[in-house]
N, C-alpha and C. Protein backbone atom coordinates (compact mmCIF):
# COMPACT_ATOMS: atom_id res chain seq x y z
N UNK A 1 -10.39 -13.08 -9.13
CA UNK A 1 -10.51 -11.63 -9.26
C UNK A 1 -9.24 -10.99 -8.71
N UNK A 2 -8.76 -10.01 -9.44
CA UNK A 2 -7.59 -9.24 -9.01
C UNK A 2 -8.06 -7.83 -8.66
N UNK A 3 -7.55 -7.31 -7.55
CA UNK A 3 -8.04 -6.06 -7.00
C UNK A 3 -6.94 -5.02 -6.92
N UNK A 4 -7.19 -3.85 -7.48
CA UNK A 4 -6.27 -2.71 -7.43
C UNK A 4 -6.84 -1.73 -6.40
N UNK A 5 -6.33 -1.82 -5.18
CA UNK A 5 -6.85 -1.02 -4.06
C UNK A 5 -6.27 0.39 -4.09
N UNK A 6 -7.13 1.39 -3.95
CA UNK A 6 -6.68 2.77 -3.92
C UNK A 6 -6.08 3.20 -5.23
N UNK A 7 -6.73 2.83 -6.31
CA UNK A 7 -6.16 3.03 -7.65
C UNK A 7 -6.01 4.50 -8.03
N UNK A 8 -6.89 5.38 -7.53
CA UNK A 8 -6.82 6.77 -7.96
C UNK A 8 -6.93 6.85 -9.47
N UNK A 9 -5.98 7.52 -10.09
CA UNK A 9 -5.99 7.65 -11.55
C UNK A 9 -5.15 6.55 -12.22
N UNK A 10 -4.55 5.66 -11.42
CA UNK A 10 -3.71 4.58 -11.95
C UNK A 10 -4.51 3.28 -12.03
N UNK A 11 -5.46 3.25 -12.95
CA UNK A 11 -6.24 2.05 -13.12
C UNK A 11 -5.42 0.98 -13.82
N UNK A 12 -5.69 -0.29 -13.46
CA UNK A 12 -4.96 -1.40 -14.06
C UNK A 12 -5.93 -2.28 -14.85
N UNK A 13 -5.53 -2.60 -16.06
CA UNK A 13 -6.32 -3.48 -16.91
C UNK A 13 -6.33 -4.89 -16.32
N UNK A 14 -7.48 -5.54 -16.32
CA UNK A 14 -7.59 -6.89 -15.79
C UNK A 14 -7.80 -6.92 -14.29
N UNK A 15 -7.96 -5.77 -13.67
CA UNK A 15 -8.18 -5.66 -12.23
C UNK A 15 -9.51 -4.97 -11.98
N UNK A 16 -10.09 -5.24 -10.81
CA UNK A 16 -11.19 -4.43 -10.31
C UNK A 16 -10.52 -3.25 -9.62
N UNK A 17 -10.77 -2.05 -10.13
CA UNK A 17 -10.12 -0.84 -9.61
C UNK A 17 -11.01 -0.20 -8.56
N UNK A 18 -10.45 -0.06 -7.35
CA UNK A 18 -11.20 0.42 -6.20
C UNK A 18 -10.54 1.68 -5.66
N UNK A 19 -11.36 2.67 -5.33
CA UNK A 19 -10.85 3.89 -4.73
C UNK A 19 -11.93 4.49 -3.84
N UNK A 20 -11.54 5.36 -2.93
CA UNK A 20 -12.50 6.02 -2.04
C UNK A 20 -13.22 7.16 -2.78
N UNK A 21 -12.62 7.59 -3.90
CA UNK A 21 -13.23 8.67 -4.69
C UNK A 21 -13.83 8.11 -5.98
N UNK A 22 -14.97 8.65 -6.40
CA UNK A 22 -15.63 8.16 -7.62
C UNK A 22 -15.00 8.76 -8.89
N UNK A 23 -13.78 8.38 -9.16
CA UNK A 23 -13.05 8.89 -10.32
C UNK A 23 -13.41 8.09 -11.57
N UNK A 24 -13.19 8.65 -12.74
CA UNK A 24 -13.42 7.90 -13.97
C UNK A 24 -12.60 6.61 -13.99
N UNK A 25 -13.23 5.50 -14.35
CA UNK A 25 -12.54 4.22 -14.42
C UNK A 25 -12.50 3.43 -13.13
N UNK A 26 -12.97 4.03 -12.04
CA UNK A 26 -13.04 3.31 -10.77
C UNK A 26 -14.27 2.40 -10.82
N UNK A 27 -14.06 1.10 -10.57
CA UNK A 27 -15.15 0.14 -10.62
C UNK A 27 -15.96 0.09 -9.32
N UNK A 28 -15.25 0.23 -8.20
CA UNK A 28 -15.91 0.18 -6.88
C UNK A 28 -15.41 1.34 -6.04
N UNK A 29 -16.35 2.08 -5.47
CA UNK A 29 -16.00 3.16 -4.55
C UNK A 29 -16.16 2.61 -3.13
N UNK A 30 -15.05 2.55 -2.40
CA UNK A 30 -15.07 2.01 -1.04
C UNK A 30 -13.84 2.47 -0.28
N UNK A 31 -13.95 2.45 1.02
CA UNK A 31 -12.83 2.75 1.92
C UNK A 31 -11.96 1.49 1.99
N UNK A 32 -10.65 1.64 1.92
CA UNK A 32 -9.75 0.48 1.95
C UNK A 32 -9.82 -0.27 3.27
N UNK A 33 -10.37 0.37 4.30
CA UNK A 33 -10.53 -0.29 5.59
C UNK A 33 -11.82 -1.09 5.67
N UNK A 34 -12.67 -0.99 4.67
CA UNK A 34 -13.96 -1.69 4.67
C UNK A 34 -14.25 -2.22 3.27
N UNK A 35 -13.50 -3.23 2.86
CA UNK A 35 -13.65 -3.76 1.52
C UNK A 35 -14.86 -4.70 1.42
N UNK A 36 -15.65 -4.54 0.37
CA UNK A 36 -16.89 -5.33 0.23
C UNK A 36 -16.69 -6.68 -0.47
N UNK A 37 -15.78 -7.49 0.06
CA UNK A 37 -15.49 -8.79 -0.56
C UNK A 37 -15.55 -9.89 0.49
N UNK A 38 -15.94 -11.08 0.04
CA UNK A 38 -16.02 -12.24 0.92
C UNK A 38 -14.63 -12.80 1.18
N UNK A 39 -14.52 -13.51 2.28
CA UNK A 39 -13.28 -14.16 2.65
C UNK A 39 -12.83 -15.11 1.53
N UNK A 40 -11.54 -15.11 1.26
CA UNK A 40 -10.91 -15.99 0.25
C UNK A 40 -11.49 -15.82 -1.15
N UNK A 41 -11.84 -14.60 -1.52
CA UNK A 41 -12.47 -14.37 -2.82
C UNK A 41 -11.58 -13.63 -3.82
N UNK A 42 -10.40 -13.18 -3.39
CA UNK A 42 -9.54 -12.36 -4.24
C UNK A 42 -8.23 -13.11 -4.52
N UNK A 43 -7.87 -13.19 -5.78
CA UNK A 43 -6.65 -13.88 -6.21
C UNK A 43 -5.40 -13.03 -5.92
N UNK A 44 -5.52 -11.72 -6.16
CA UNK A 44 -4.37 -10.83 -6.00
C UNK A 44 -4.84 -9.45 -5.55
N UNK A 45 -4.09 -8.89 -4.62
CA UNK A 45 -4.30 -7.50 -4.20
C UNK A 45 -3.07 -6.71 -4.62
N UNK A 46 -3.32 -5.58 -5.26
CA UNK A 46 -2.26 -4.65 -5.63
C UNK A 46 -2.60 -3.33 -4.96
N UNK A 47 -1.71 -2.85 -4.11
CA UNK A 47 -1.94 -1.61 -3.36
C UNK A 47 -0.71 -0.71 -3.48
N UNK A 48 -0.76 0.21 -4.42
CA UNK A 48 0.35 1.14 -4.64
C UNK A 48 0.01 2.49 -4.03
N UNK A 49 0.87 2.96 -3.15
CA UNK A 49 0.68 4.27 -2.51
C UNK A 49 -0.65 4.35 -1.79
N UNK A 50 -0.94 3.34 -0.98
CA UNK A 50 -2.21 3.26 -0.25
C UNK A 50 -1.99 3.15 1.25
N UNK A 51 -1.19 2.18 1.66
CA UNK A 51 -1.08 1.83 3.08
C UNK A 51 -0.63 3.01 3.95
N UNK A 52 0.22 3.86 3.41
CA UNK A 52 0.70 5.01 4.18
C UNK A 52 -0.41 6.04 4.45
N UNK A 53 -1.52 5.93 3.72
CA UNK A 53 -2.65 6.85 3.91
C UNK A 53 -3.60 6.36 5.00
N UNK A 54 -3.32 5.20 5.56
CA UNK A 54 -4.16 4.62 6.61
C UNK A 54 -3.61 4.99 7.97
N UNK A 55 -4.49 5.11 8.93
CA UNK A 55 -4.08 5.41 10.31
C UNK A 55 -3.14 4.32 10.80
N UNK A 56 -2.04 4.72 11.42
CA UNK A 56 -1.09 3.72 11.92
C UNK A 56 -1.74 2.83 12.96
N UNK A 57 -2.77 3.33 13.63
CA UNK A 57 -3.49 2.54 14.64
C UNK A 57 -4.32 1.45 13.97
N UNK A 58 -4.74 1.67 12.71
CA UNK A 58 -5.60 0.72 12.01
C UNK A 58 -4.87 -0.15 10.99
N UNK A 59 -3.60 0.09 10.76
CA UNK A 59 -2.87 -0.62 9.71
C UNK A 59 -2.93 -2.13 9.90
N UNK A 60 -2.73 -2.61 11.11
CA UNK A 60 -2.73 -4.06 11.34
C UNK A 60 -4.09 -4.65 11.01
N UNK A 61 -5.17 -4.02 11.46
CA UNK A 61 -6.50 -4.58 11.17
C UNK A 61 -6.84 -4.47 9.68
N UNK A 62 -6.37 -3.43 9.02
CA UNK A 62 -6.59 -3.29 7.58
C UNK A 62 -5.87 -4.40 6.84
N UNK A 63 -4.61 -4.64 7.18
CA UNK A 63 -3.86 -5.72 6.54
C UNK A 63 -4.49 -7.08 6.85
N UNK A 64 -4.95 -7.28 8.06
CA UNK A 64 -5.64 -8.54 8.41
C UNK A 64 -6.84 -8.76 7.50
N UNK A 65 -7.62 -7.69 7.28
CA UNK A 65 -8.79 -7.80 6.42
C UNK A 65 -8.39 -8.08 4.97
N UNK A 66 -7.36 -7.41 4.49
CA UNK A 66 -6.89 -7.65 3.12
C UNK A 66 -6.45 -9.11 2.96
N UNK A 67 -5.70 -9.61 3.93
CA UNK A 67 -5.20 -10.99 3.87
C UNK A 67 -6.37 -11.97 3.95
N UNK A 68 -7.36 -11.65 4.75
CA UNK A 68 -8.53 -12.52 4.90
C UNK A 68 -9.28 -12.71 3.59
N UNK A 69 -9.35 -11.66 2.75
CA UNK A 69 -10.10 -11.80 1.50
C UNK A 69 -9.28 -12.47 0.39
N UNK A 70 -7.99 -12.66 0.63
CA UNK A 70 -7.15 -13.35 -0.35
C UNK A 70 -7.49 -14.84 -0.39
N UNK A 71 -7.48 -15.40 -1.60
CA UNK A 71 -7.62 -16.84 -1.76
C UNK A 71 -6.39 -17.52 -1.16
N UNK A 72 -6.49 -18.81 -0.83
CA UNK A 72 -5.29 -19.54 -0.44
C UNK A 72 -4.26 -19.43 -1.58
N UNK A 73 -3.04 -19.16 -1.23
CA UNK A 73 -1.94 -18.94 -2.18
C UNK A 73 -2.10 -17.65 -2.99
N UNK A 74 -3.05 -16.80 -2.61
CA UNK A 74 -3.20 -15.50 -3.26
C UNK A 74 -2.02 -14.61 -2.92
N UNK A 75 -1.84 -13.54 -3.71
CA UNK A 75 -0.69 -12.67 -3.48
C UNK A 75 -1.13 -11.24 -3.16
N UNK A 76 -0.30 -10.58 -2.38
CA UNK A 76 -0.52 -9.18 -2.03
C UNK A 76 0.73 -8.39 -2.42
N UNK A 77 0.53 -7.34 -3.20
CA UNK A 77 1.61 -6.48 -3.66
C UNK A 77 1.44 -5.13 -2.99
N UNK A 78 2.44 -4.69 -2.27
CA UNK A 78 2.37 -3.40 -1.57
C UNK A 78 3.55 -2.54 -2.01
N UNK A 79 3.22 -1.34 -2.46
CA UNK A 79 4.24 -0.34 -2.81
C UNK A 79 3.95 0.87 -1.93
N UNK A 80 4.96 1.31 -1.19
CA UNK A 80 4.76 2.46 -0.31
C UNK A 80 6.11 3.14 -0.08
N UNK A 81 6.08 4.39 0.43
CA UNK A 81 7.34 5.08 0.69
C UNK A 81 8.24 4.28 1.64
N UNK A 82 9.51 4.29 1.36
CA UNK A 82 10.52 3.59 2.15
C UNK A 82 11.13 4.60 3.12
N UNK A 83 10.67 4.58 4.36
CA UNK A 83 11.13 5.57 5.34
C UNK A 83 12.64 5.56 5.53
N UNK A 84 13.23 4.38 5.57
CA UNK A 84 14.68 4.31 5.77
C UNK A 84 15.44 4.99 4.64
N UNK A 85 15.05 4.68 3.41
CA UNK A 85 15.70 5.28 2.25
C UNK A 85 15.48 6.79 2.21
N UNK A 86 14.27 7.22 2.51
CA UNK A 86 13.98 8.66 2.53
C UNK A 86 14.84 9.38 3.57
N UNK A 87 14.95 8.79 4.76
CA UNK A 87 15.76 9.40 5.82
C UNK A 87 17.22 9.50 5.40
N UNK A 88 17.75 8.43 4.81
CA UNK A 88 19.14 8.44 4.34
C UNK A 88 19.36 9.53 3.30
N UNK A 89 18.44 9.63 2.36
CA UNK A 89 18.58 10.64 1.30
C UNK A 89 18.45 12.06 1.86
N UNK A 90 17.59 12.23 2.83
CA UNK A 90 17.43 13.55 3.45
C UNK A 90 18.70 13.93 4.23
N UNK A 91 19.19 13.01 5.04
CA UNK A 91 20.36 13.29 5.87
C UNK A 91 21.64 13.49 5.07
N UNK A 92 21.70 12.94 3.87
CA UNK A 92 22.88 13.11 3.03
C UNK A 92 22.71 14.25 2.02
N UNK A 93 21.59 14.94 2.07
CA UNK A 93 21.36 16.09 1.21
C UNK A 93 20.85 15.76 -0.19
N UNK A 94 20.55 14.50 -0.45
CA UNK A 94 20.02 14.11 -1.76
C UNK A 94 18.60 14.63 -1.93
N UNK A 95 17.83 14.62 -0.85
CA UNK A 95 16.46 15.15 -0.86
C UNK A 95 16.43 16.49 -0.13
N UNK A 96 15.78 17.47 -0.73
CA UNK A 96 15.59 18.75 -0.05
C UNK A 96 14.54 18.56 1.05
N UNK A 97 14.49 19.49 1.96
CA UNK A 97 13.50 19.43 3.03
C UNK A 97 12.08 19.40 2.44
N UNK A 98 11.85 20.22 1.43
CA UNK A 98 10.52 20.28 0.80
C UNK A 98 10.12 18.92 0.22
N UNK A 99 11.02 18.27 -0.50
CA UNK A 99 10.71 16.96 -1.10
C UNK A 99 10.56 15.89 -0.02
N UNK A 100 11.39 15.95 1.01
CA UNK A 100 11.32 14.99 2.10
C UNK A 100 9.98 15.10 2.83
N UNK A 101 9.60 16.31 3.17
CA UNK A 101 8.33 16.53 3.87
C UNK A 101 7.15 16.04 3.03
N UNK A 102 7.19 16.31 1.74
CA UNK A 102 6.11 15.86 0.84
C UNK A 102 6.02 14.34 0.80
N UNK A 103 7.17 13.67 0.77
CA UNK A 103 7.18 12.21 0.74
C UNK A 103 6.74 11.61 2.06
N UNK A 104 7.07 12.25 3.15
CA UNK A 104 6.71 11.73 4.47
C UNK A 104 5.24 12.00 4.79
N UNK A 105 4.74 13.19 4.49
CA UNK A 105 3.39 13.57 4.91
C UNK A 105 2.35 13.57 3.79
N UNK A 106 2.75 13.30 2.57
CA UNK A 106 1.80 13.24 1.46
C UNK A 106 1.60 14.59 0.81
N UNK A 107 0.91 14.57 -0.33
CA UNK A 107 0.65 15.82 -1.07
C UNK A 107 -0.37 16.71 -0.37
N UNK A 108 -1.33 16.09 0.30
CA UNK A 108 -2.38 16.78 1.07
C UNK A 108 -3.25 17.68 0.21
N UNK A 109 -3.36 17.38 -1.09
CA UNK A 109 -4.21 18.15 -1.99
C UNK A 109 -5.69 17.89 -1.77
N UNK A 110 -6.02 16.78 -1.13
CA UNK A 110 -7.39 16.45 -0.73
C UNK A 110 -7.28 15.59 0.52
N UNK A 111 -8.36 15.47 1.26
CA UNK A 111 -8.35 14.85 2.58
C UNK A 111 -7.62 13.51 2.63
N UNK A 112 -7.91 12.63 1.69
CA UNK A 112 -7.34 11.28 1.73
C UNK A 112 -5.88 11.23 1.30
N UNK A 113 -5.32 12.33 0.85
CA UNK A 113 -3.95 12.33 0.36
C UNK A 113 -2.96 12.84 1.42
N UNK A 114 -3.13 12.32 2.62
CA UNK A 114 -2.24 12.62 3.73
C UNK A 114 -1.66 11.31 4.24
N UNK A 115 -0.39 11.28 4.58
CA UNK A 115 0.23 10.07 5.11
C UNK A 115 0.10 10.05 6.63
N UNK A 116 -0.35 8.91 7.14
CA UNK A 116 -0.57 8.75 8.58
C UNK A 116 0.37 7.73 9.21
N UNK A 117 1.09 6.99 8.38
CA UNK A 117 2.02 6.00 8.92
C UNK A 117 3.14 5.78 7.91
N UNK A 118 4.13 5.03 8.31
CA UNK A 118 5.25 4.80 7.41
C UNK A 118 5.87 3.44 7.65
N UNK A 119 6.65 3.01 6.66
CA UNK A 119 7.22 1.67 6.69
C UNK A 119 8.64 1.67 6.14
N UNK A 120 9.43 0.76 6.66
CA UNK A 120 10.69 0.42 6.00
C UNK A 120 10.58 -1.06 5.67
N UNK A 121 11.50 -1.58 4.87
CA UNK A 121 11.37 -2.98 4.44
C UNK A 121 11.26 -3.97 5.59
N UNK A 122 12.10 -3.84 6.59
CA UNK A 122 12.11 -4.77 7.72
C UNK A 122 10.77 -4.77 8.45
N UNK A 123 10.24 -3.60 8.71
CA UNK A 123 8.99 -3.48 9.46
C UNK A 123 7.82 -4.08 8.67
N UNK A 124 7.71 -3.75 7.38
CA UNK A 124 6.58 -4.23 6.60
C UNK A 124 6.67 -5.74 6.35
N UNK A 125 7.84 -6.25 6.04
CA UNK A 125 8.01 -7.69 5.86
C UNK A 125 7.65 -8.42 7.15
N UNK A 126 8.16 -7.92 8.28
CA UNK A 126 7.87 -8.53 9.57
C UNK A 126 6.40 -8.51 9.91
N UNK A 127 5.74 -7.41 9.61
CA UNK A 127 4.32 -7.28 9.88
C UNK A 127 3.51 -8.29 9.07
N UNK A 128 3.81 -8.40 7.79
CA UNK A 128 3.09 -9.35 6.93
C UNK A 128 3.31 -10.79 7.41
N UNK A 129 4.53 -11.12 7.78
CA UNK A 129 4.80 -12.47 8.28
C UNK A 129 4.05 -12.73 9.59
N UNK A 130 4.03 -11.75 10.46
CA UNK A 130 3.32 -11.89 11.74
C UNK A 130 1.83 -12.11 11.51
N UNK A 131 1.30 -11.54 10.42
CA UNK A 131 -0.13 -11.67 10.12
C UNK A 131 -0.45 -12.93 9.31
N UNK A 132 0.54 -13.80 9.14
CA UNK A 132 0.28 -15.08 8.53
C UNK A 132 0.58 -15.20 7.05
N UNK A 133 1.19 -14.19 6.46
CA UNK A 133 1.58 -14.30 5.06
C UNK A 133 2.80 -15.23 5.04
N UNK A 134 2.70 -16.30 4.27
CA UNK A 134 3.70 -17.37 4.31
C UNK A 134 5.03 -16.98 3.68
N UNK A 135 4.99 -16.37 2.52
CA UNK A 135 6.21 -16.06 1.80
C UNK A 135 6.19 -14.58 1.45
N UNK A 136 7.14 -13.83 1.96
CA UNK A 136 7.20 -12.39 1.71
C UNK A 136 8.54 -12.08 1.08
N UNK A 137 8.50 -11.32 -0.01
CA UNK A 137 9.70 -11.01 -0.76
C UNK A 137 9.81 -9.50 -0.99
N UNK A 138 10.97 -8.96 -0.69
CA UNK A 138 11.26 -7.57 -1.00
C UNK A 138 11.69 -7.53 -2.46
N UNK A 139 10.86 -6.97 -3.32
CA UNK A 139 11.13 -6.92 -4.75
C UNK A 139 12.11 -5.80 -5.08
N UNK A 140 11.86 -4.63 -4.51
CA UNK A 140 12.70 -3.47 -4.82
C UNK A 140 12.66 -2.52 -3.63
N UNK A 141 13.83 -2.17 -3.13
CA UNK A 141 13.90 -1.26 -1.99
C UNK A 141 14.02 0.19 -2.42
N UNK A 142 14.24 0.45 -3.70
CA UNK A 142 14.46 1.81 -4.16
C UNK A 142 13.60 2.12 -5.38
N UNK A 143 12.38 1.64 -5.39
CA UNK A 143 11.48 1.86 -6.51
C UNK A 143 11.31 3.36 -6.75
N UNK A 144 10.85 3.71 -7.94
CA UNK A 144 10.64 5.13 -8.29
C UNK A 144 10.01 5.89 -7.12
N UNK A 145 10.37 7.11 -6.97
CA UNK A 145 9.86 7.99 -5.90
C UNK A 145 10.21 7.49 -4.51
N UNK A 146 11.29 6.74 -4.39
CA UNK A 146 11.78 6.28 -3.09
C UNK A 146 10.83 5.32 -2.39
N UNK A 147 10.09 4.54 -3.17
CA UNK A 147 9.16 3.57 -2.63
C UNK A 147 9.80 2.20 -2.53
N UNK A 148 9.26 1.37 -1.64
CA UNK A 148 9.65 -0.02 -1.59
C UNK A 148 8.51 -0.85 -2.16
N UNK A 149 8.82 -2.02 -2.65
CA UNK A 149 7.85 -2.91 -3.28
C UNK A 149 8.00 -4.28 -2.66
N UNK A 150 6.95 -4.74 -1.99
CA UNK A 150 6.96 -6.03 -1.29
C UNK A 150 5.81 -6.88 -1.82
N UNK A 151 6.09 -8.17 -2.03
CA UNK A 151 5.06 -9.12 -2.45
C UNK A 151 5.01 -10.23 -1.41
N UNK A 152 3.77 -10.57 -1.02
CA UNK A 152 3.57 -11.67 -0.08
C UNK A 152 2.56 -12.65 -0.65
N UNK A 153 2.68 -13.91 -0.22
CA UNK A 153 1.76 -14.95 -0.66
C UNK A 153 1.12 -15.59 0.57
N UNK A 154 -0.18 -15.74 0.51
CA UNK A 154 -0.94 -16.31 1.64
C UNK A 154 -0.63 -17.79 1.78
């Protein structure tokens, strides 16, 4: 089973699409901090624009739980704002204050759309390795919307 965590309106074909809101096309409504899956039951986790919406105090335990439900040799794909890149673009005038603030703190159009933590490539790669992910690869440090894309394998 492949899981698209926090899918929102970006549902993926061939995945179980999970979100905290009961949107059209969402297969499972659940909080990303309390996933209803057994240990080693998920082949792949895809989490785009999700982790930054979690409390920085809970990020480690959330990632531990995500990794726990991965099958041996399963993969985890994380796409999230790249704080280092955003800061560089803001300080050099590439990003306006308005765009920078929106990227750092989220759209805030509804309760769950607020950013509570942030990552740069070094921090997220290090965190995943510390949590036992064997092989972690930075796929893209400048993905669309100033996001980074990291893949890890259990």
